[in-house]
């Protein structure tokens, strides 16, 4: 799932080398902390948060196949 998230985000941003994803795993929940370079935060969030919502939807669907829950936190 981390690779999927990384692939999606790197395709959106101008500086894919600055993308950092930290995975915090619990028993049934996985939290992904996403950090992007300066100026790329708006591209990941999108207008009215639509892009972030779409990424979270894909991540949720992927995590359900593995029997877990996933949360995405976008950190400035």
PDB file of N, CA and C in Angstrom:
ATOM      1  N   UNK A   1       0.816  -1.185   0.000  1.00  0.00           N
ATOM      2  CA  UNK A   1       0.000   0.000   0.000  1.00  0.00           C
ATOM      3  C   UNK A   1       0.863   1.253   0.000  1.00  0.00           C
ATOM      4  N   UNK A   2       1.971   1.185   0.699  1.00  0.00           N
ATOM      5  CA  UNK A   2       2.869   2.337   0.739  1.00  0.00           C
ATOM      6  C   UNK A   2       3.402   2.644  -0.661  1.00  0.00           C
ATOM      7  N   UNK A   3       3.695   1.599  -1.424  1.00  0.00           N
ATOM      8  CA  UNK A   3       4.210   1.798  -2.775  1.00  0.00           C
ATOM      9  C   UNK A   3       3.153   2.433  -3.669  1.00  0.00           C
ATOM     10  N   UNK A   4       1.904   2.030  -3.493  1.00  0.00           N
ATOM     11  CA  UNK A   4       0.810   2.611  -4.257  1.00  0.00           C
ATOM     12  C   UNK A   4       0.660   4.091  -3.946  1.00  0.00           C
ATOM     13  N   UNK A   5       0.676   4.430  -2.676  1.00  0.00           N
ATOM     14  CA  UNK A   5       0.564   5.817  -2.251  1.00  0.00           C
ATOM     15  C   UNK A   5       1.729   6.650  -2.792  1.00  0.00           C
ATOM     16  N   UNK A   6       2.920   6.086  -2.707  1.00  0.00           N
ATOM     17  CA  UNK A   6       4.108   6.782  -3.188  1.00  0.00           C
ATOM     18  C   UNK A   6       4.024   7.016  -4.702  1.00  0.00           C
ATOM     19  N   UNK A   7       3.557   6.039  -5.431  1.00  0.00           N
ATOM     20  CA  UNK A   7       3.418   6.154  -6.889  1.00  0.00           C
ATOM     21  C   UNK A   7       2.436   7.263  -7.266  1.00  0.00           C
ATOM     22  N   UNK A   8       1.305   7.311  -6.581  1.00  0.00           N
ATOM     23  CA  UNK A   8       0.282   8.308  -6.880  1.00  0.00           C
ATOM     24  C   UNK A   8       0.793   9.712  -6.572  1.00  0.00           C
ATOM     25  N   UNK A   9       1.381   9.890  -5.402  1.00  0.00           N
ATOM     26  CA  UNK A   9       1.816  11.218  -4.983  1.00  0.00           C
ATOM     27  C   UNK A   9       2.973  11.717  -5.842  1.00  0.00           C
ATOM     28  N   UNK A  10       3.910  10.849  -6.150  1.00  0.00           N
ATOM     29  CA  UNK A  10       5.050  11.274  -6.970  1.00  0.00           C
ATOM     30  C   UNK A  10       4.625  11.687  -8.375  1.00  0.00           C
ATOM     31  N   UNK A  11       3.529  11.130  -8.870  1.00  0.00           N
ATOM     32  CA  UNK A  11       3.032  11.520 -10.179  1.00  0.00           C
ATOM     33  C   UNK A  11       2.393  12.909 -10.145  1.00  0.00           C
ATOM     34  N   UNK A  12       1.951  13.356  -8.989  1.00  0.00           N
ATOM     35  CA  UNK A  12       1.266  14.642  -8.867  1.00  0.00           C
ATOM     36  C   UNK A  12       2.197  15.825  -8.643  1.00  0.00           C
ATOM     37  N   UNK A  13       3.289  15.618  -7.940  1.00  0.00           N
ATOM     38  CA  UNK A  13       4.130  16.733  -7.495  1.00  0.00           C
ATOM     39  C   UNK A  13       5.211  17.084  -8.514  1.00  0.00           C
ATOM     40  N   UNK A  14       5.778  18.300  -8.348  1.00  0.00           N
ATOM     41  CA  UNK A  14       6.868  18.744  -9.209  1.00  0.00           C
ATOM     42  C   UNK A  14       8.215  18.161  -8.780  1.00  0.00           C
ATOM     43  N   UNK A  15       8.380  17.981  -7.475  1.00  0.00           N
ATOM     44  CA  UNK A  15       9.633  17.451  -6.928  1.00  0.00           C
ATOM     45  C   UNK A  15       9.399  16.086  -6.286  1.00  0.00           C
ATOM     46  N   UNK A  16       9.402  15.009  -7.073  1.00  0.00           N
ATOM     47  CA  UNK A  16       9.121  13.686  -6.497  1.00  0.00           C
ATOM     48  C   UNK A  16      10.198  13.197  -5.526  1.00  0.00           C
ATOM     49  N   UNK A  17      11.380  13.788  -5.574  1.00  0.00           N
ATOM     50  CA  UNK A  17      12.443  13.372  -4.652  1.00  0.00           C
ATOM     51  C   UNK A  17      12.156  13.830  -3.229  1.00  0.00           C
ATOM     52  N   UNK A  18      11.314  14.851  -3.053  1.00  0.00           N
ATOM     53  CA  UNK A  18      11.019  15.383  -1.722  1.00  0.00           C
ATOM     54  C   UNK A  18       9.844  14.688  -1.045  1.00  0.00           C
ATOM     55  N   UNK A  19       9.259  13.703  -1.680  1.00  0.00           N
ATOM     56  CA  UNK A  19       8.124  12.992  -1.098  1.00  0.00           C
ATOM     57  C   UNK A  19       8.630  12.015  -0.033  1.00  0.00           C
ATOM     58  N   UNK A  20       8.078  12.144   1.166  1.00  0.00           N
ATOM     59  CA  UNK A  20       8.429  11.250   2.267  1.00  0.00           C
ATOM     60  C   UNK A  20       7.144  10.659   2.835  1.00  0.00           C
ATOM     61  N   UNK A  21       7.133   9.346   2.971  1.00  0.00           N
ATOM     62  CA  UNK A  21       5.971   8.668   3.533  1.00  0.00           C
ATOM     63  C   UNK A  21       6.447   7.811   4.695  1.00  0.00           C
ATOM     64  N   UNK A  22       5.866   8.083   5.855  1.00  0.00           N
ATOM     65  CA  UNK A  22       6.199   7.304   7.048  1.00  0.00           C
ATOM     66  C   UNK A  22       5.003   6.439   7.401  1.00  0.00           C
ATOM     67  N   UNK A  23       5.258   5.174   7.621  1.00  0.00           N
ATOM     68  CA  UNK A  23       4.195   4.214   7.914  1.00  0.00           C
ATOM     69  C   UNK A  23       4.223   3.862   9.393  1.00  0.00           C
ATOM     70  N   UNK A  24       3.093   4.072  10.057  1.00  0.00           N
ATOM     71  CA  UNK A  24       2.962   3.724  11.468  1.00  0.00           C
ATOM     72  C   UNK A  24       1.910   2.617  11.546  1.00  0.00           C
ATOM     73  N   UNK A  25       2.352   1.419  11.853  1.00  0.00           N
ATOM     74  CA  UNK A  25       1.465   0.256  11.831  1.00  0.00           C
ATOM     75  C   UNK A  25       0.970  -0.083  13.224  1.00  0.00           C
ATOM     76  N   UNK A  26      -0.318  -0.317  13.311  1.00  0.00           N
ATOM     77  CA  UNK A  26      -0.940  -0.805  14.534  1.00  0.00           C
ATOM     78  C   UNK A  26      -1.477  -2.198  14.279  1.00  0.00           C
ATOM     79  N   UNK A  27      -2.338  -2.676  15.170  1.00  0.00           N
ATOM     80  CA  UNK A  27      -2.906  -4.011  14.990  1.00  0.00           C
ATOM     81  C   UNK A  27      -3.788  -4.093  13.759  1.00  0.00           C
ATOM     82  N   UNK A  28      -4.753  -3.177  13.677  1.00  0.00           N
ATOM     83  CA  UNK A  28      -5.690  -3.199  12.557  1.00  0.00           C
ATOM     84  C   UNK A  28      -5.660  -1.924  11.736  1.00  0.00           C
ATOM     85  N   UNK A  29      -4.885  -0.954  12.151  1.00  0.00           N
ATOM     86  CA  UNK A  29      -4.851   0.332  11.471  1.00  0.00           C
ATOM     87  C   UNK A  29      -3.427   0.692  11.077  1.00  0.00           C
ATOM     88  N   UNK A  30      -3.291   1.251   9.903  1.00  0.00           N
ATOM     89  CA  UNK A  30      -2.007   1.756   9.433  1.00  0.00           C
ATOM     90  C   UNK A  30      -2.186   3.243   9.147  1.00  0.00           C
ATOM     91  N   UNK A  31      -1.303   4.055   9.709  1.00  0.00           N
ATOM     92  CA  UNK A  31      -1.345   5.495   9.478  1.00  0.00           C
ATOM     93  C   UNK A  31      -0.160   5.859   8.588  1.00  0.00           C
ATOM     94  N   UNK A  32      -0.448   6.569   7.517  1.00  0.00           N
ATOM     95  CA  UNK A  32       0.589   7.038   6.613  1.00  0.00           C
ATOM     96  C   UNK A  32       0.724   8.546   6.784  1.00  0.00           C
ATOM     97  N   UNK A  33       1.925   8.991   7.122  1.00  0.00           N
ATOM     98  CA  UNK A  33       2.209  10.413   7.242  1.00  0.00           C
ATOM     99  C   UNK A  33       2.933  10.845   5.983  1.00  0.00           C
ATOM    100  N   UNK A  34       2.337  11.760   5.251  1.00  0.00           N
ATOM    101  CA  UNK A  34       2.859  12.198   3.966  1.00  0.00           C
ATOM    102  C   UNK A  34       3.434  13.599   4.094  1.00  0.00           C
ATOM    103  N   UNK A  35       4.676  13.752   3.663  1.00  0.00           N
ATOM    104  CA  UNK A  35       5.329  15.056   3.622  1.00  0.00           C
ATOM    105  C   UNK A  35       5.811  15.279   2.196  1.00  0.00           C
ATOM    106  N   UNK A  36       5.531  16.465   1.670  1.00  0.00           N
ATOM    107  CA  UNK A  36       5.971  16.809   0.320  1.00  0.00           C
ATOM    108  C   UNK A  36       6.789  18.093   0.377  1.00  0.00           C
ATOM    109  N   UNK A  37       7.469  18.387  -0.721  1.00  0.00           N
ATOM    110  CA  UNK A  37       8.306  19.582  -0.784  1.00  0.00           C
ATOM    111  C   UNK A  37       7.474  20.857  -0.807  1.00  0.00           C
ATOM    112  N   UNK A  38       8.172  21.971  -0.658  1.00  0.00           N
ATOM    113  CA  UNK A  38       7.515  23.269  -0.667  1.00  0.00           C
ATOM    114  C   UNK A  38       6.840  23.518  -2.008  1.00  0.00           C
ATOM    115  N   UNK A  39       5.638  24.022  -1.978  1.00  0.00           N
ATOM    116  CA  UNK A  39       4.911  24.316  -3.194  1.00  0.00           C
ATOM    117  C   UNK A  39       4.110  23.149  -3.741  1.00  0.00           C
ATOM    118  N   UNK A  40       4.338  21.961  -3.249  1.00  0.00           N
ATOM    119  CA  UNK A  40       3.631  20.783  -3.751  1.00  0.00           C
ATOM    120  C   UNK A  40       2.430  20.395  -2.892  1.00  0.00           C
ATOM    121  N   UNK A  41       2.293  21.020  -1.753  1.00  0.00           N
ATOM    122  CA  UNK A  41       1.210  20.661  -0.833  1.00  0.00           C
ATOM    123  C   UNK A  41      -0.154  20.912  -1.474  1.00  0.00           C
ATOM    124  N   UNK A  42      -0.296  22.020  -2.177  1.00  0.00           N
ATOM    125  CA  UNK A  42      -1.559  22.340  -2.832  1.00  0.00           C
ATOM    126  C   UNK A  42      -1.924  21.352  -3.919  1.00  0.00           C
ATOM    127  N   UNK A  43      -0.929  20.791  -4.584  1.00  0.00           N
ATOM    128  CA  UNK A  43      -1.185  19.822  -5.645  1.00  0.00           C
ATOM    129  C   UNK A  43      -1.688  18.510  -5.076  1.00  0.00           C
ATOM    130  N   UNK A  44      -1.207  18.151  -3.905  1.00  0.00           N
ATOM    131  CA  UNK A  44      -1.643  16.905  -3.269  1.00  0.00           C
ATOM    132  C   UNK A  44      -3.037  17.061  -2.678  1.00  0.00           C
ATOM    133  N   UNK A  45      -3.331  18.227  -2.121  1.00  0.00           N
ATOM    134  CA  UNK A  45      -4.645  18.455  -1.514  1.00  0.00           C
ATOM    135  C   UNK A  45      -5.693  18.729  -2.594  1.00  0.00           C
ATOM    136  N   UNK A  46      -5.358  19.536  -3.584  1.00  0.00           N
ATOM    137  CA  UNK A  46      -6.290  19.835  -4.666  1.00  0.00           C
ATOM    138  C   UNK A  46      -7.334  20.860  -4.272  1.00  0.00           C
ATOM    139  N   UNK A  47      -8.152  21.244  -5.246  1.00  0.00           N
ATOM    140  CA  UNK A  47      -9.209  22.217  -4.979  1.00  0.00           C
ATOM    141  C   UNK A  47     -10.243  21.605  -4.052  1.00  0.00           C
ATOM    142  N   UNK A  48     -10.517  22.346  -2.985  1.00  0.00           N
ATOM    143  CA  UNK A  48     -11.500  21.935  -1.976  1.00  0.00           C
ATOM    144  C   UNK A  48     -11.209  20.552  -1.409  1.00  0.00           C
ATOM    145  N   UNK A  49      -9.957  20.102  -1.476  1.00  0.00           N
ATOM    146  CA  UNK A  49      -9.566  18.817  -0.904  1.00  0.00           C
ATOM    147  C   UNK A  49      -9.969  17.616  -1.733  1.00  0.00           C
ATOM    148  N   UNK A  50     -10.313  17.834  -2.973  1.00  0.00           N
ATOM    149  CA  UNK A  50     -10.793  16.727  -3.812  1.00  0.00           C
ATOM    150  C   UNK A  50      -9.709  15.694  -4.084  1.00  0.00           C
ATOM    151  N   UNK A  51      -8.490  16.158  -4.358  1.00  0.00           N
ATOM    152  CA  UNK A  51      -7.400  15.225  -4.667  1.00  0.00           C
ATOM    153  C   UNK A  51      -7.069  14.379  -3.433  1.00  0.00           C
ATOM    154  N   UNK A  52      -6.999  15.032  -2.273  1.00  0.00           N
ATOM    155  CA  UNK A  52      -6.707  14.297  -1.035  1.00  0.00           C
ATOM    156  C   UNK A  52      -7.804  13.278  -0.742  1.00  0.00           C
ATOM    157  N   UNK A  53      -9.041  13.649  -0.991  1.00  0.00           N
ATOM    158  CA  UNK A  53     -10.160  12.732  -0.758  1.00  0.00           C
ATOM    159  C   UNK A  53     -10.074  11.529  -1.693  1.00  0.00           C
ATOM    160  N   UNK A  54      -9.704  11.775  -2.947  1.00  0.00           N
ATOM    161  CA  UNK A  54      -9.571  10.684  -3.914  1.00  0.00           C
ATOM    162  C   UNK A  54      -8.437   9.740  -3.527  1.00  0.00           C
ATOM    163  N   UNK A  55      -7.324  10.301  -3.083  1.00  0.00           N
ATOM    164  CA  UNK A  55      -6.194   9.471  -2.644  1.00  0.00           C
ATOM    165  C   UNK A  55      -6.599   8.631  -1.437  1.00  0.00           C
ATOM    166  N   UNK A  56      -7.316   9.238  -0.500  1.00  0.00           N
ATOM    167  CA  UNK A  56      -7.770   8.501   0.686  1.00  0.00           C
ATOM    168  C   UNK A  56      -8.742   7.381   0.310  1.00  0.00           C
ATOM    169  N   UNK A  57      -9.599   7.622  -0.685  1.00  0.00           N
ATOM    170  CA  UNK A  57     -10.541   6.599  -1.133  1.00  0.00           C
ATOM    171  C   UNK A  57      -9.808   5.402  -1.726  1.00  0.00           C
ATOM    172  N   UNK A  58      -8.811   5.669  -2.562  1.00  0.00           N
ATOM    173  CA  UNK A  58      -8.013   4.586  -3.156  1.00  0.00           C
ATOM    174  C   UNK A  58      -7.266   3.819  -2.070  1.00  0.00           C
ATOM    175  N   UNK A  59      -6.704   4.545  -1.115  1.00  0.00           N
ATOM    176  CA  UNK A  59      -5.958   3.919  -0.024  1.00  0.00           C
ATOM    177  C   UNK A  59      -6.876   3.059   0.836  1.00  0.00           C
ATOM    178  N   UNK A  60      -8.080   3.528   1.100  1.00  0.00           N
ATOM    179  CA  UNK A  60      -9.043   2.764   1.894  1.00  0.00           C
ATOM    180  C   UNK A  60      -9.446   1.477   1.179  1.00  0.00           C
ATOM    181  N   UNK A  61      -9.701   1.586  -0.123  1.00  0.00           N
ATOM    182  CA  UNK A  61     -10.093   0.402  -0.891  1.00  0.00           C
ATOM    183  C   UNK A  61      -8.963  -0.623  -0.928  1.00  0.00           C
ATOM    184  N   UNK A  62      -7.751  -0.158  -1.087  1.00  0.00           N
ATOM    185  CA  UNK A  62      -6.600  -1.058  -1.111  1.00  0.00           C
ATOM    186  C   UNK A  62      -6.381  -1.723   0.243  1.00  0.00           C
ATOM    187  N   UNK A  63      -6.570  -0.965   1.308  1.00  0.00           N
ATOM    188  CA  UNK A  63      -6.328  -1.521   2.650  1.00  0.00           C
ATOM    189  C   UNK A  63      -7.389  -2.543   3.032  1.00  0.00           C
ATOM    190  N   UNK A  64      -8.604  -2.372   2.552  1.00  0.00           N
ATOM    191  CA  UNK A  64      -9.668  -3.328   2.858  1.00  0.00           C
ATOM    192  C   UNK A  64      -9.371  -4.702   2.268  1.00  0.00           C
ATOM    193  N   UNK A  65      -8.673  -4.732   1.139  1.00  0.00           N
ATOM    194  CA  UNK A  65      -8.288  -6.017   0.555  1.00  0.00           C
ATOM    195  C   UNK A  65      -7.311  -6.764   1.459  1.00  0.00           C
ATOM    196  N   UNK A  66      -6.540  -6.006   2.244  1.00  0.00           N
ATOM    197  CA  UNK A  66      -5.575  -6.614   3.164  1.00  0.00           C
ATOM    198  C   UNK A  66      -6.158  -6.818   4.559  1.00  0.00           C
ATOM    199  N   UNK A  67      -7.427  -6.450   4.737  1.00  0.00           N
ATOM    200  CA  UNK A  67      -8.076  -6.650   6.026  1.00  0.00           C
ATOM    201  C   UNK A  67      -7.652  -5.652   7.079  1.00  0.00           C
ATOM    202  N   UNK A  68      -7.212  -4.492   6.667  1.00  0.00           N
ATOM    203  CA  UNK A  68      -6.796  -3.447   7.617  1.00  0.00           C
ATOM    204  C   UNK A  68      -7.478  -2.137   7.263  1.00  0.00           C
ATOM    205  N   UNK A  69      -7.293  -1.145   8.128  1.00  0.00           N
ATOM    206  CA  UNK A  69      -7.771   0.208   7.871  1.00  0.00           C
ATOM    207  C   UNK A  69      -6.561   1.101   7.679  1.00  0.00           C
ATOM    208  N   UNK A  70      -6.677   2.042   6.783  1.00  0.00           N
ATOM    209  CA  UNK A  70      -5.570   2.948   6.517  1.00  0.00           C
ATOM    210  C   UNK A  70      -6.046   4.382   6.635  1.00  0.00           C
ATOM    211  N   UNK A  71      -5.187   5.213   7.201  1.00  0.00           N
ATOM    212  CA  UNK A  71      -5.469   6.643   7.315  1.00  0.00           C
ATOM    213  C   UNK A  71      -4.305   7.396   6.695  1.00  0.00           C
ATOM    214  N   UNK A  72      -4.613   8.505   6.045  1.00  0.00           N
ATOM    215  CA  UNK A  72      -3.591   9.338   5.453  1.00  0.00           C
ATOM    216  C   UNK A  72      -3.591  10.690   6.150  1.00  0.00           C
ATOM    217  N   UNK A  73      -2.430  11.066   6.662  1.00  0.00           N
ATOM    218  CA  UNK A  73      -2.268  12.372   7.269  1.00  0.00           C
ATOM    219  C   UNK A  73      -1.264  13.141   6.415  1.00  0.00           C
ATOM    220  N   UNK A  74      -1.696  14.287   5.919  1.00  0.00           N
ATOM    221  CA  UNK A  74      -0.817  15.124   5.103  1.00  0.00           C
ATOM    222  C   UNK A  74      -0.217  16.173   6.027  1.00  0.00           C
ATOM    223  N   UNK A  75       1.107  16.145   6.153  1.00  0.00           N
ATOM    224  CA  UNK A  75       1.796  17.013   7.090  1.00  0.00           C
ATOM    225  C   UNK A  75       2.526  18.108   6.326  1.00  0.00           C
ATOM    226  N   UNK A  76       2.418  19.330   6.834  1.00  0.00           N
ATOM    227  CA  UNK A  76       3.089  20.463   6.186  1.00  0.00           C
ATOM    228  C   UNK A  76       4.558  20.453   6.491  1.00  0.00           C
TER     229      UNK A  76
END
